[in-house]
Protein backbone atom coordinates (compact mmCIF):
# COMPACT_ATOMS: atom_id res chain seq x y z
CA MET A 1 -7.93 9.93 19.86
CA SER A 2 -5.85 8.01 22.45
CA LEU A 3 -3.61 5.31 21.39
CA GLU A 4 -5.53 2.94 23.68
CA MET A 5 -8.51 3.28 21.23
CA TYR A 6 -6.58 1.42 18.59
CA SER A 7 -5.84 -2.21 18.58
CA LYS A 8 -2.47 -3.75 19.82
CA LYS A 9 -1.63 -4.43 16.14
CA VAL A 10 -2.56 -0.94 15.06
CA GLN A 11 -0.35 0.47 17.89
CA GLU A 12 2.63 -1.88 16.79
CA TYR A 13 2.44 -0.84 13.21
CA PHE A 14 2.30 2.82 13.99
CA GLN A 15 5.06 2.49 16.50
CA HIS A 16 7.39 0.31 14.32
CA PRO A 17 6.18 0.76 10.93
CA LYS A 18 7.64 -1.58 8.35
CA ASN A 19 8.68 -0.82 4.69
CA VAL A 20 9.17 3.19 5.29
CA GLY A 21 10.84 5.23 2.77
CA LYS A 22 11.20 5.81 -0.97
CA ILE A 23 12.35 3.61 -3.87
CA ASP A 24 14.12 5.83 -6.22
CA ASP A 25 13.84 3.82 -9.32
CA ALA A 26 10.24 2.57 -8.53
CA ASP A 27 8.39 0.87 -11.22
CA GLY A 28 5.28 2.75 -10.07
CA THR A 29 4.05 4.98 -7.64
CA GLY A 30 0.73 6.01 -5.98
CA SER A 31 -0.13 9.24 -4.24
CA VAL A 32 -3.21 9.63 -2.31
CA GLY A 33 -4.59 12.28 0.32
CA ASN A 34 -7.61 12.98 2.15
CA PRO A 35 -8.32 16.71 2.27
CA TYR A 36 -10.76 16.03 5.34
CA CYS A 37 -8.05 14.90 7.67
CA GLY A 38 -4.99 15.93 5.88
CA ASP A 39 -3.52 12.38 5.56
CA VAL A 40 -1.13 12.04 2.55
CA MET A 41 0.32 8.75 1.49
CA LYS A 42 2.81 7.91 -1.51
CA LEU A 43 3.61 4.23 -2.32
CA TYR A 44 6.35 2.99 -4.43
CA ILE A 45 6.39 -0.46 -6.02
CA LYS A 46 9.26 -2.63 -7.61
CA VAL A 47 7.96 -5.30 -9.98
CA GLY A 48 9.89 -8.60 -10.74
CA LYS A 49 8.91 -11.56 -12.63
CA LYS A 50 8.43 -15.14 -11.34
CA LYS A 51 7.19 -18.61 -12.90
CA ILE A 52 3.85 -19.70 -11.30
CA ASN A 53 2.45 -22.70 -12.85
CA ASN A 54 4.58 -22.48 -15.85
CA LYS A 55 3.23 -18.99 -16.39
CA GLU A 56 5.56 -15.92 -16.03
CA GLU A 57 3.84 -13.69 -13.61
CA GLU A 58 4.41 -10.20 -12.52
CA TYR A 59 4.86 -9.49 -8.70
CA ILE A 60 5.49 -6.96 -6.27
CA LYS A 61 9.10 -7.41 -5.47
CA ASP A 62 9.71 -4.52 -3.20
CA ILE A 63 7.21 -1.80 -1.78
CA LYS A 64 7.83 1.08 0.49
CA PHE A 65 5.68 4.12 1.79
CA GLN A 66 5.90 7.76 3.05
CA THR A 67 3.14 8.94 4.76
CA MET A 68 2.21 12.06 6.64
CA GLY A 69 -0.80 11.42 8.87
CA CYS A 70 -2.34 10.05 11.96
CA GLY A 71 -1.26 6.75 13.59
CA ALA A 72 -3.85 4.89 11.72
CA ALA A 73 -2.60 6.54 8.32
CA ILE A 74 0.85 5.32 9.18
CA ALA A 75 -0.24 1.67 10.49
CA THR A 76 -2.31 1.31 7.42
CA SER A 77 0.39 2.13 5.13
CA SER A 78 2.60 -0.28 6.74
CA MET A 79 0.16 -2.90 6.42
CA ILE A 80 -0.55 -2.50 2.98
CA THR A 81 3.01 -3.08 2.12
CA GLU A 82 3.17 -6.28 4.25
CA LEU A 83 -0.04 -7.63 2.52
CA ALA A 84 1.15 -6.68 -0.83
CA LYS A 85 4.90 -7.71 -0.64
CA GLY A 86 5.58 -10.95 -2.97
CA LYS A 87 2.05 -10.91 -4.15
CA THR A 88 1.17 -10.91 -8.29
CA LEU A 89 -0.06 -7.67 -9.42
CA GLU A 90 -3.32 -9.37 -9.67
CA GLU A 91 -3.58 -10.68 -6.06
CA ALA A 92 -2.39 -7.11 -4.91
CA LYS A 93 -5.26 -5.50 -6.79
CA LYS A 94 -7.74 -7.52 -4.63
CA ILE A 95 -6.39 -6.19 -1.43
CA THR A 96 -9.35 -4.19 -0.03
CA ARG A 97 -9.73 -1.54 2.66
CA ASN A 98 -11.44 -4.38 4.79
CA ASP A 99 -8.57 -6.76 4.17
CA VAL A 100 -6.25 -3.91 5.75
CA ALA A 101 -8.57 -3.27 8.66
CA GLU A 102 -8.86 -6.99 9.63
CA SER A 103 -5.18 -7.37 9.41
CA LEU A 104 -4.89 -4.76 11.96
CA GLN A 105 -7.28 -6.31 14.21
CA GLY A 106 -9.85 -3.57 13.29
CA LEU A 107 -9.83 0.37 13.17
CA PRO A 108 -12.31 2.83 14.82
CA PRO A 109 -15.10 3.63 12.45
CA ILE A 110 -13.87 7.20 12.01
CA LYS A 111 -10.35 5.94 11.16
CA MET A 112 -11.63 3.54 8.30
CA HIS A 113 -10.97 5.94 5.67
CA CYS A 114 -7.30 5.44 6.43
CA SER A 115 -7.56 1.83 5.28
CA ASN A 116 -9.42 3.05 2.01
CA LEU A 117 -6.05 5.45 1.29
CA ALA A 118 -3.63 2.69 1.73
CA ALA A 119 -5.73 0.32 -0.66
CA ASP A 120 -6.32 3.25 -3.06
CA ALA A 121 -2.41 4.07 -3.07
CA LEU A 122 -1.56 0.78 -3.89
CA ASN A 123 -4.02 0.43 -6.74
CA GLU A 124 -2.65 3.70 -8.10
CA ALA A 125 0.99 2.55 -7.74
CA ILE A 126 -0.13 -0.46 -9.61
CA LYS A 127 -1.86 1.54 -12.45
CA ASP A 128 1.04 3.95 -12.80
CA TYR A 129 3.30 0.95 -13.38
CA GLU A 130 0.87 -0.67 -16.05
CA LYS A 131 0.51 2.70 -17.82
CA LYS A 132 4.21 2.99 -17.83
CA LYS A 133 4.70 -0.39 -19.35
CA LYS A 134 1.99 0.11 -21.96
CA GLY A 135 3.83 3.20 -22.84
CA VAL A 136 7.04 1.28 -23.48
CA LYS A 137 5.13 -1.40 -25.46
CA ASN A 138 3.80 1.34 -27.83
CA GLY A 139 7.25 2.93 -28.09
CA SER A 140 6.22 6.07 -26.17
């Protein structure tokens, strides 16, 4: 698939991805892959706390990714980090594959699974964080 098949936004995020890398002391990590196309994503989150409406909320303070895959996989990984950074965990959980695709001004139908991977990786990272947090509360 040639680069011209992608929106300008996909091209921009593929050629100049944001938030690439690893967070060594991540609070949560999410790893997903697609055996059909070979794309593999790993997402790292750092969680912070801030007051929102007099209530302390957990939010995504930092987020990074490592992706091995096609241009769409890299672009969607980068976009999910942009969409999730600064959001509360509850807000981040609601980011869908369609949100990712729309933010990239569309993806070819054959590449929509990439936006699914990005949303899945984010949800896996949040689940990992919540599981670790629950373990700490239970003294495990």
